[in-house]
Amino acid sequence: MAKLQEQAVKLIYEICDRYRDEKTPLMMILSDIQNEYGYIPLEVQEIVSRQTGISVAEIYGVVTFYSFFSLTPKGKYVIGCCLGTACYVKGAQQVIDKFSEILGIKPGETTEDGLFTLDALRCIGACGIAPAVSISGTVYPKVSVADVQNIVNEYRAKEA
């Protein structure tokens, strides 16, 4: 979205207008924008600020506080490694480290080809199958370091 096209700006205006009568519209507006574009860069936050009268500082605070909002584009496949207590105790740190090594990115980053984003998550509620990894809605149970390369290969094969 680097330089917003007129059509994108128009859609952001429409999203803001949808919630004009709401008492606290910010979360709904940001959620719709995140769903539409996959991220909410500063330029978009400034448009939302002008349309709603909510300060950019407040909008930025919300975008950076909630983990489901992003300031940068996410990869096609978002790999979420749970680092909650149960997963951590069963080796989740080593699992995320292996993903990081194989993909050449740190948690919070996206591969140059835009295929993978690696995220460190807190508890995802899958303690009974720890360590758990979620990839674009699919949960992988009891992931070991030895499983990581095969998981990455599975998603790369989808792109071949």
N, C-alpha and C. Protein backbone atom coordinates (compact mmCIF):
# COMPACT_ATOMS: atom_id res chain seq x y z
N MET A 1 0.83 -1.20 0.00
CA MET A 1 0.00 0.00 0.00
C MET A 1 0.87 1.25 0.00
N ALA A 2 2.17 1.12 -0.19
CA ALA A 2 3.15 2.19 -0.04
C ALA A 2 2.57 3.58 -0.34
N LYS A 3 2.16 3.83 -1.54
CA LYS A 3 1.50 5.09 -1.88
C LYS A 3 0.06 4.72 -2.20
N LEU A 4 -0.84 5.20 -1.38
CA LEU A 4 -2.23 4.79 -1.51
C LEU A 4 -2.86 5.27 -2.81
N GLN A 5 -3.51 4.36 -3.48
CA GLN A 5 -4.24 4.71 -4.68
C GLN A 5 -5.57 5.33 -4.28
N GLU A 6 -6.13 6.08 -5.20
CA GLU A 6 -7.39 6.78 -4.94
C GLU A 6 -8.49 5.80 -4.51
N GLN A 7 -8.53 4.63 -5.13
CA GLN A 7 -9.54 3.63 -4.79
C GLN A 7 -9.39 3.14 -3.35
N ALA A 8 -8.14 2.97 -2.89
CA ALA A 8 -7.89 2.53 -1.51
C ALA A 8 -8.33 3.60 -0.52
N VAL A 9 -8.03 4.85 -0.82
CA VAL A 9 -8.43 5.96 0.06
C VAL A 9 -9.95 6.02 0.14
N LYS A 10 -10.61 5.85 -1.00
CA LYS A 10 -12.07 5.87 -1.04
C LYS A 10 -12.65 4.77 -0.15
N LEU A 11 -12.06 3.58 -0.21
CA LEU A 11 -12.55 2.47 0.61
C LEU A 11 -12.35 2.76 2.10
N ILE A 12 -11.24 3.37 2.45
CA ILE A 12 -10.99 3.73 3.86
C ILE A 12 -12.04 4.74 4.32
N TYR A 13 -12.38 5.71 3.47
CA TYR A 13 -13.45 6.67 3.80
C TYR A 13 -14.76 5.92 4.03
N GLU A 14 -15.07 4.96 3.15
CA GLU A 14 -16.31 4.19 3.28
C GLU A 14 -16.34 3.40 4.58
N ILE A 15 -15.20 2.81 4.93
CA ILE A 15 -15.13 2.05 6.19
C ILE A 15 -15.37 2.98 7.37
N CYS A 16 -14.74 4.13 7.36
CA CYS A 16 -14.96 5.11 8.45
C CYS A 16 -16.41 5.55 8.51
N ASP A 17 -17.01 5.78 7.35
CA ASP A 17 -18.41 6.22 7.31
C ASP A 17 -19.37 5.17 7.84
N ARG A 18 -19.03 3.89 7.64
CA ARG A 18 -19.87 2.79 8.14
C ARG A 18 -20.14 2.90 9.63
N TYR A 19 -19.17 3.42 10.35
CA TYR A 19 -19.25 3.44 11.81
C TYR A 19 -19.42 4.86 12.37
N ARG A 20 -19.84 5.78 11.52
CA ARG A 20 -19.98 7.18 11.92
C ARG A 20 -20.90 7.36 13.12
N ASP A 21 -21.95 6.54 13.23
CA ASP A 21 -22.92 6.69 14.31
C ASP A 21 -22.56 5.90 15.56
N GLU A 22 -21.46 5.17 15.51
CA GLU A 22 -21.03 4.40 16.67
C GLU A 22 -20.36 5.32 17.70
N LYS A 23 -20.57 5.02 18.97
CA LYS A 23 -19.98 5.83 20.03
C LYS A 23 -18.46 5.64 20.08
N THR A 24 -18.00 4.42 19.91
CA THR A 24 -16.56 4.11 19.92
C THR A 24 -16.23 3.25 18.69
N PRO A 25 -16.00 3.91 17.54
CA PRO A 25 -15.86 3.17 16.28
C PRO A 25 -14.46 2.65 15.95
N LEU A 26 -13.45 3.06 16.69
CA LEU A 26 -12.07 2.82 16.25
C LEU A 26 -11.74 1.36 16.02
N MET A 27 -12.06 0.48 16.97
CA MET A 27 -11.72 -0.93 16.82
C MET A 27 -12.39 -1.54 15.59
N MET A 28 -13.63 -1.17 15.35
CA MET A 28 -14.36 -1.72 14.19
C MET A 28 -13.74 -1.21 12.88
N ILE A 29 -13.39 0.06 12.84
CA ILE A 29 -12.76 0.64 11.65
C ILE A 29 -11.42 -0.04 11.39
N LEU A 30 -10.59 -0.12 12.41
CA LEU A 30 -9.27 -0.73 12.23
C LEU A 30 -9.37 -2.20 11.85
N SER A 31 -10.31 -2.90 12.45
CA SER A 31 -10.51 -4.31 12.12
C SER A 31 -10.88 -4.49 10.66
N ASP A 32 -11.79 -3.67 10.16
CA ASP A 32 -12.19 -3.75 8.75
C ASP A 32 -11.02 -3.43 7.82
N ILE A 33 -10.23 -2.43 8.19
CA ILE A 33 -9.07 -2.07 7.36
C ILE A 33 -8.04 -3.19 7.38
N GLN A 34 -7.79 -3.75 8.56
CA GLN A 34 -6.83 -4.86 8.68
C GLN A 34 -7.30 -6.05 7.83
N ASN A 35 -8.59 -6.36 7.88
CA ASN A 35 -9.14 -7.46 7.10
C ASN A 35 -9.03 -7.20 5.60
N GLU A 36 -9.19 -5.96 5.21
CA GLU A 36 -9.16 -5.60 3.79
C GLU A 36 -7.75 -5.60 3.22
N TYR A 37 -6.80 -5.03 3.96
CA TYR A 37 -5.44 -4.82 3.42
C TYR A 37 -4.36 -5.67 4.07
N GLY A 38 -4.65 -6.22 5.26
CA GLY A 38 -3.66 -7.05 5.94
C GLY A 38 -2.74 -6.31 6.87
N TYR A 39 -2.79 -5.00 6.84
CA TYR A 39 -1.99 -4.19 7.75
C TYR A 39 -2.50 -2.75 7.75
N ILE A 40 -2.00 -1.95 8.72
CA ILE A 40 -2.49 -0.58 8.89
C ILE A 40 -1.29 0.37 9.03
N PRO A 41 -0.73 0.81 7.91
CA PRO A 41 0.44 1.69 7.97
C PRO A 41 0.06 3.10 8.45
N LEU A 42 1.06 3.89 8.76
CA LEU A 42 0.85 5.24 9.30
C LEU A 42 0.00 6.10 8.36
N GLU A 43 0.22 5.99 7.07
CA GLU A 43 -0.55 6.78 6.11
C GLU A 43 -2.05 6.52 6.25
N VAL A 44 -2.42 5.27 6.48
CA VAL A 44 -3.83 4.91 6.67
C VAL A 44 -4.33 5.43 8.01
N GLN A 45 -3.50 5.36 9.04
CA GLN A 45 -3.88 5.88 10.35
C GLN A 45 -4.17 7.38 10.28
N GLU A 46 -3.40 8.08 9.46
CA GLU A 46 -3.62 9.53 9.30
C GLU A 46 -4.96 9.81 8.62
N ILE A 47 -5.34 9.00 7.65
CA ILE A 47 -6.64 9.16 6.99
C ILE A 47 -7.76 8.89 7.98
N VAL A 48 -7.63 7.82 8.76
CA VAL A 48 -8.64 7.48 9.76
C VAL A 48 -8.76 8.63 10.77
N SER A 49 -7.64 9.20 11.16
CA SER A 49 -7.64 10.32 12.10
C SER A 49 -8.42 11.51 11.53
N ARG A 50 -8.15 11.85 10.28
CA ARG A 50 -8.87 12.98 9.65
C ARG A 50 -10.37 12.71 9.55
N GLN A 51 -10.73 11.47 9.27
CA GLN A 51 -12.14 11.11 9.09
C GLN A 51 -12.91 11.02 10.40
N THR A 52 -12.22 10.64 11.47
CA THR A 52 -12.92 10.38 12.74
C THR A 52 -12.68 11.44 13.81
N GLY A 53 -11.61 12.21 13.65
CA GLY A 53 -11.26 13.17 14.68
C GLY A 53 -10.48 12.54 15.83
N ILE A 54 -10.16 11.27 15.72
CA ILE A 54 -9.36 10.57 16.73
C ILE A 54 -7.89 10.83 16.41
N SER A 55 -7.10 11.16 17.40
CA SER A 55 -5.70 11.50 17.14
C SER A 55 -4.91 10.32 16.59
N VAL A 56 -3.91 10.63 15.78
CA VAL A 56 -3.03 9.60 15.25
C VAL A 56 -2.35 8.86 16.40
N ALA A 57 -2.00 9.59 17.46
CA ALA A 57 -1.34 8.96 18.60
C ALA A 57 -2.23 7.88 19.23
N GLU A 58 -3.51 8.17 19.36
CA GLU A 58 -4.43 7.18 19.94
C GLU A 58 -4.59 5.99 18.99
N ILE A 59 -4.73 6.26 17.70
CA ILE A 59 -4.87 5.19 16.71
C ILE A 59 -3.62 4.32 16.72
N TYR A 60 -2.45 4.94 16.69
CA TYR A 60 -1.19 4.21 16.71
C TYR A 60 -1.09 3.36 17.97
N GLY A 61 -1.51 3.91 19.09
CA GLY A 61 -1.50 3.17 20.35
C GLY A 61 -2.33 1.91 20.29
N VAL A 62 -3.49 2.00 19.68
CA VAL A 62 -4.37 0.83 19.54
C VAL A 62 -3.76 -0.19 18.58
N VAL A 63 -3.25 0.29 17.44
CA VAL A 63 -2.67 -0.61 16.43
C VAL A 63 -1.47 -1.37 17.00
N THR A 64 -0.66 -0.70 17.80
CA THR A 64 0.54 -1.36 18.34
C THR A 64 0.25 -2.16 19.61
N PHE A 65 -0.85 -1.89 20.28
CA PHE A 65 -1.18 -2.62 21.50
C PHE A 65 -1.74 -4.01 21.18
N TYR A 66 -2.65 -4.08 20.23
CA TYR A 66 -3.33 -5.34 19.92
C TYR A 66 -2.54 -6.11 18.86
N SER A 67 -2.23 -7.37 19.17
CA SER A 67 -1.36 -8.16 18.30
C SER A 67 -2.01 -8.53 16.97
N PHE A 68 -3.34 -8.45 16.87
CA PHE A 68 -3.97 -8.81 15.60
C PHE A 68 -3.91 -7.68 14.58
N PHE A 69 -3.48 -6.49 15.00
CA PHE A 69 -3.23 -5.41 14.05
C PHE A 69 -1.75 -5.41 13.70
N SER A 70 -1.43 -4.95 12.50
CA SER A 70 -0.05 -4.94 12.06
C SER A 70 0.26 -3.64 11.33
N LEU A 71 1.47 -3.13 11.54
CA LEU A 71 1.94 -1.93 10.84
C LEU A 71 2.58 -2.27 9.50
N THR A 72 2.91 -3.53 9.32
CA THR A 72 3.58 -3.96 8.10
C THR A 72 2.82 -5.14 7.48
N PRO A 73 3.01 -5.36 6.19
CA PRO A 73 2.31 -6.48 5.55
C PRO A 73 2.73 -7.82 6.13
N LYS A 74 1.80 -8.72 6.24
CA LYS A 74 2.07 -10.08 6.71
C LYS A 74 2.29 -10.97 5.50
N GLY A 75 2.97 -12.08 5.73
CA GLY A 75 3.20 -13.05 4.67
C GLY A 75 1.92 -13.80 4.34
N LYS A 76 1.97 -14.53 3.25
CA LYS A 76 0.82 -15.33 2.83
C LYS A 76 0.48 -16.36 3.91
N TYR A 77 1.53 -16.92 4.53
CA TYR A 77 1.35 -17.89 5.61
C TYR A 77 1.92 -17.30 6.89
N VAL A 78 1.06 -17.11 7.87
CA VAL A 78 1.48 -16.57 9.16
C VAL A 78 1.70 -17.73 10.12
N ILE A 79 2.95 -17.90 10.52
CA ILE A 79 3.33 -18.98 11.43
C ILE A 79 3.33 -18.42 12.84
N GLY A 80 2.40 -18.88 13.65
CA GLY A 80 2.31 -18.43 15.03
C GLY A 80 2.78 -19.53 15.96
N CYS A 81 3.88 -19.30 16.63
CA CYS A 81 4.41 -20.28 17.58
C CYS A 81 3.97 -19.86 18.98
N CYS A 82 3.22 -20.72 19.63
CA CYS A 82 2.77 -20.43 20.99
C CYS A 82 3.94 -20.52 21.95
N LEU A 83 4.12 -19.47 22.74
CA LEU A 83 5.15 -19.46 23.76
C LEU A 83 4.53 -19.34 25.16
N GLY A 84 3.25 -19.75 25.26
CA GLY A 84 2.61 -19.80 26.57
C GLY A 84 3.34 -20.81 27.45
N THR A 85 3.03 -20.81 28.72
CA THR A 85 3.76 -21.63 29.69
C THR A 85 3.84 -23.10 29.29
N ALA A 86 2.71 -23.73 28.99
CA ALA A 86 2.73 -25.17 28.65
C ALA A 86 3.58 -25.43 27.42
N CYS A 87 3.43 -24.61 26.40
CA CYS A 87 4.21 -24.80 25.17
C CYS A 87 5.69 -24.52 25.42
N TYR A 88 5.96 -23.47 26.17
CA TYR A 88 7.35 -23.10 26.44
C TYR A 88 8.08 -24.23 27.18
N VAL A 89 7.43 -24.78 28.19
CA VAL A 89 8.02 -25.85 28.99
C VAL A 89 8.31 -27.08 28.12
N LYS A 90 7.50 -27.29 27.09
CA LYS A 90 7.68 -28.46 26.23
C LYS A 90 8.51 -28.17 24.97
N GLY A 91 9.25 -27.06 24.97
CA GLY A 91 10.22 -26.82 23.90
C GLY A 91 9.83 -25.84 22.81
N ALA A 92 8.83 -25.02 23.05
CA ALA A 92 8.38 -24.08 22.02
C ALA A 92 9.46 -23.08 21.60
N GLN A 93 10.31 -22.68 22.54
CA GLN A 93 11.37 -21.72 22.18
C GLN A 93 12.30 -22.32 21.12
N GLN A 94 12.64 -23.58 21.29
CA GLN A 94 13.51 -24.24 20.31
C GLN A 94 12.80 -24.38 18.96
N VAL A 95 11.49 -24.59 18.98
CA VAL A 95 10.71 -24.70 17.75
C VAL A 95 10.72 -23.36 17.00
N ILE A 96 10.42 -22.27 17.71
CA ILE A 96 10.40 -20.97 17.04
C ILE A 96 11.81 -20.59 16.56
N ASP A 97 12.82 -20.96 17.33
CA ASP A 97 14.20 -20.70 16.92
C ASP A 97 14.52 -21.43 15.62
N LYS A 98 14.01 -22.65 15.47
CA LYS A 98 14.25 -23.44 14.25
C LYS A 98 13.54 -22.81 13.05
N PHE A 99 12.29 -22.38 13.24
CA PHE A 99 11.58 -21.67 12.17
C PHE A 99 12.38 -20.43 11.77
N SER A 100 12.86 -19.70 12.75
CA SER A 100 13.64 -18.49 12.50
C SER A 100 14.90 -18.81 11.69
N GLU A 101 15.58 -19.86 12.06
CA GLU A 101 16.80 -20.27 11.37
C GLU A 101 16.51 -20.68 9.92
N ILE A 102 15.50 -21.49 9.71
CA ILE A 102 15.16 -21.99 8.37
C ILE A 102 14.68 -20.87 7.46
N LEU A 103 13.85 -19.99 8.00
CA LEU A 103 13.26 -18.92 7.19
C LEU A 103 14.16 -17.69 7.08
N GLY A 104 15.14 -17.57 7.96
CA GLY A 104 16.05 -16.43 7.93
C GLY A 104 15.41 -15.14 8.41
N ILE A 105 14.43 -15.27 9.29
CA ILE A 105 13.75 -14.10 9.85
C ILE A 105 13.58 -14.28 11.35
N LYS A 106 13.38 -13.16 12.05
CA LYS A 106 13.10 -13.20 13.48
C LYS A 106 11.59 -13.09 13.68
N PRO A 107 11.11 -13.46 14.86
CA PRO A 107 9.68 -13.27 15.14
C PRO A 107 9.27 -11.82 14.90
N GLY A 108 8.13 -11.66 14.25
CA GLY A 108 7.64 -10.33 13.91
C GLY A 108 8.03 -9.90 12.51
N GLU A 109 8.84 -10.71 11.83
CA GLU A 109 9.31 -10.36 10.49
C GLU A 109 8.65 -11.24 9.43
N THR A 110 8.79 -10.80 8.18
CA THR A 110 8.24 -11.51 7.03
C THR A 110 9.38 -11.79 6.06
N THR A 111 9.35 -12.97 5.45
CA THR A 111 10.39 -13.33 4.48
C THR A 111 10.32 -12.37 3.28
N GLU A 112 11.47 -12.19 2.63
CA GLU A 112 11.55 -11.26 1.50
C GLU A 112 10.58 -11.61 0.38
N ASP A 113 10.30 -12.90 0.20
CA ASP A 113 9.38 -13.32 -0.87
C ASP A 113 7.91 -13.13 -0.48
N GLY A 114 7.66 -12.66 0.77
CA GLY A 114 6.30 -12.41 1.21
C GLY A 114 5.50 -13.66 1.51
N LEU A 115 6.19 -14.79 1.59
CA LEU A 115 5.50 -16.06 1.79
C LEU A 115 5.20 -16.34 3.27
N PHE A 116 6.15 -16.05 4.16
CA PHE A 116 5.99 -16.40 5.57
C PHE A 116 6.20 -15.19 6.49
N THR A 117 5.36 -15.14 7.52
CA THR A 117 5.56 -14.23 8.65
C THR A 117 5.68 -15.12 9.87
N LEU A 118 6.63 -14.82 10.73
CA LEU A 118 6.84 -15.59 11.96
C LEU A 118 6.41 -14.75 13.15
N ASP A 119 5.47 -15.26 13.93
CA ASP A 119 4.98 -14.55 15.11
C ASP A 119 5.13 -15.40 16.36
N ALA A 120 5.58 -14.78 17.43
CA ALA A 120 5.60 -15.41 18.75
C ALA A 120 4.29 -15.05 19.42
N LEU A 121 3.51 -16.06 19.77
CA LEU A 121 2.21 -15.83 20.39
C LEU A 121 2.25 -16.19 21.86
N ARG A 122 1.38 -15.60 22.61
CA ARG A 122 1.22 -16.01 24.00
C ARG A 122 0.33 -17.24 23.96
N CYS A 123 -0.46 -17.51 24.91
CA CYS A 123 -1.25 -18.74 24.93
C CYS A 123 -2.32 -18.74 23.83
N ILE A 124 -2.39 -19.83 23.06
CA ILE A 124 -3.42 -19.97 22.04
C ILE A 124 -4.50 -20.96 22.47
N GLY A 125 -4.42 -21.40 23.72
CA GLY A 125 -5.45 -22.29 24.26
C GLY A 125 -5.32 -23.73 23.80
N ALA A 126 -4.12 -24.13 23.45
CA ALA A 126 -3.89 -25.50 22.97
C ALA A 126 -2.90 -26.21 23.89
N CYS A 127 -3.01 -25.97 25.17
CA CYS A 127 -2.05 -26.48 26.15
C CYS A 127 -1.93 -28.01 26.14
N GLY A 128 -3.02 -28.68 25.86
CA GLY A 128 -3.01 -30.15 25.86
C GLY A 128 -2.23 -30.75 24.69
N ILE A 129 -1.93 -29.94 23.69
CA ILE A 129 -1.19 -30.44 22.52
C ILE A 129 0.13 -29.67 22.35
N ALA A 130 0.65 -29.19 23.46
CA ALA A 130 1.87 -28.37 23.45
C ALA A 130 3.09 -29.18 23.03
N PRO A 131 4.03 -28.53 22.36
CA PRO A 131 3.98 -27.16 21.83
C PRO A 131 3.17 -27.09 20.55
N ALA A 132 2.36 -26.04 20.45
CA ALA A 132 1.46 -25.88 19.32
C ALA A 132 1.92 -24.75 18.41
N VAL A 133 1.72 -24.95 17.12
CA VAL A 133 2.03 -23.95 16.11
C VAL A 133 0.78 -23.78 15.26
N SER A 134 0.42 -22.54 14.99
CA SER A 134 -0.73 -22.23 14.15
C SER A 134 -0.22 -21.58 12.87
N ILE A 135 -0.67 -22.11 11.73
CA ILE A 135 -0.28 -21.51 10.45
C ILE A 135 -1.55 -21.22 9.67
N SER A 136 -1.85 -19.94 9.57
CA SER A 136 -3.02 -19.47 8.82
C SER A 136 -4.27 -20.28 9.16
N GLY A 137 -4.50 -20.50 10.44
CA GLY A 137 -5.71 -21.17 10.91
C GLY A 137 -5.58 -22.66 11.15
N THR A 138 -4.52 -23.29 10.66
CA THR A 138 -4.31 -24.72 10.90
C THR A 138 -3.40 -24.88 12.11
N VAL A 139 -3.82 -25.67 13.08
CA VAL A 139 -3.03 -25.87 14.29
C VAL A 139 -2.26 -27.18 14.18
N TYR A 140 -0.97 -27.11 14.41
CA TYR A 140 -0.10 -28.29 14.41
C TYR A 140 0.19 -28.65 15.86
N PRO A 141 -0.16 -29.88 16.29
CA PRO A 141 0.05 -30.28 17.69
C PRO A 141 1.42 -30.88 17.92
N LYS A 142 1.91 -30.73 19.14
CA LYS A 142 3.14 -31.39 19.60
C LYS A 142 4.27 -31.27 18.59
N VAL A 143 4.53 -30.04 18.15
CA VAL A 143 5.57 -29.79 17.15
C VAL A 143 6.95 -29.91 17.79
N SER A 144 7.81 -30.65 17.14
CA SER A 144 9.20 -30.77 17.61
C SER A 144 10.10 -30.03 16.63
N VAL A 145 11.32 -29.79 17.04
CA VAL A 145 12.31 -29.14 16.18
C VAL A 145 12.47 -29.94 14.89
N ALA A 146 12.41 -31.26 14.99
CA ALA A 146 12.56 -32.13 13.82
C ALA A 146 11.41 -31.98 12.83
N ASP A 147 10.25 -31.49 13.26
CA ASP A 147 9.09 -31.32 12.39
C ASP A 147 9.14 -30.04 11.55
N VAL A 148 9.91 -29.07 11.99
CA VAL A 148 9.85 -27.73 11.42
C VAL A 148 10.18 -27.71 9.93
N GLN A 149 11.26 -28.34 9.52
CA GLN A 149 11.64 -28.31 8.11
C GLN A 149 10.54 -28.90 7.23
N ASN A 150 9.93 -30.01 7.67
CA ASN A 150 8.85 -30.62 6.89
C ASN A 150 7.63 -29.69 6.79
N ILE A 151 7.34 -28.98 7.85
CA ILE A 151 6.21 -28.05 7.84
C ILE A 151 6.48 -26.93 6.83
N VAL A 152 7.67 -26.37 6.87
CA VAL A 152 8.04 -25.30 5.93
C VAL A 152 7.99 -25.83 4.50
N ASN A 153 8.52 -27.01 4.29
CA ASN A 153 8.52 -27.62 2.95
C ASN A 153 7.10 -27.82 2.43
N GLU A 154 6.18 -28.20 3.32
CA GLU A 154 4.78 -28.41 2.94
C GLU A 154 4.19 -27.14 2.34
N TYR A 155 4.46 -26.01 2.96
CA TYR A 155 3.91 -24.74 2.48
C TYR A 155 4.65 -24.24 1.24
N ARG A 156 5.94 -24.48 1.17
CA ARG A 156 6.67 -24.09 -0.04
C ARG A 156 6.21 -24.90 -1.24
N ALA A 157 5.88 -26.17 -1.01
CA ALA A 157 5.40 -27.05 -2.10
C ALA A 157 4.07 -26.53 -2.67
N LYS A 158 3.27 -25.93 -1.83
CA LYS A 158 1.99 -25.36 -2.30
C LYS A 158 2.21 -24.25 -3.31
N GLU A 159 3.36 -23.62 -3.23
CA GLU A 159 3.68 -22.49 -4.10
C GLU A 159 4.40 -22.90 -5.37
N ALA A 160 4.84 -24.16 -5.43
CA ALA A 160 5.62 -24.62 -6.59
C ALA A 160 4.77 -24.87 -7.81
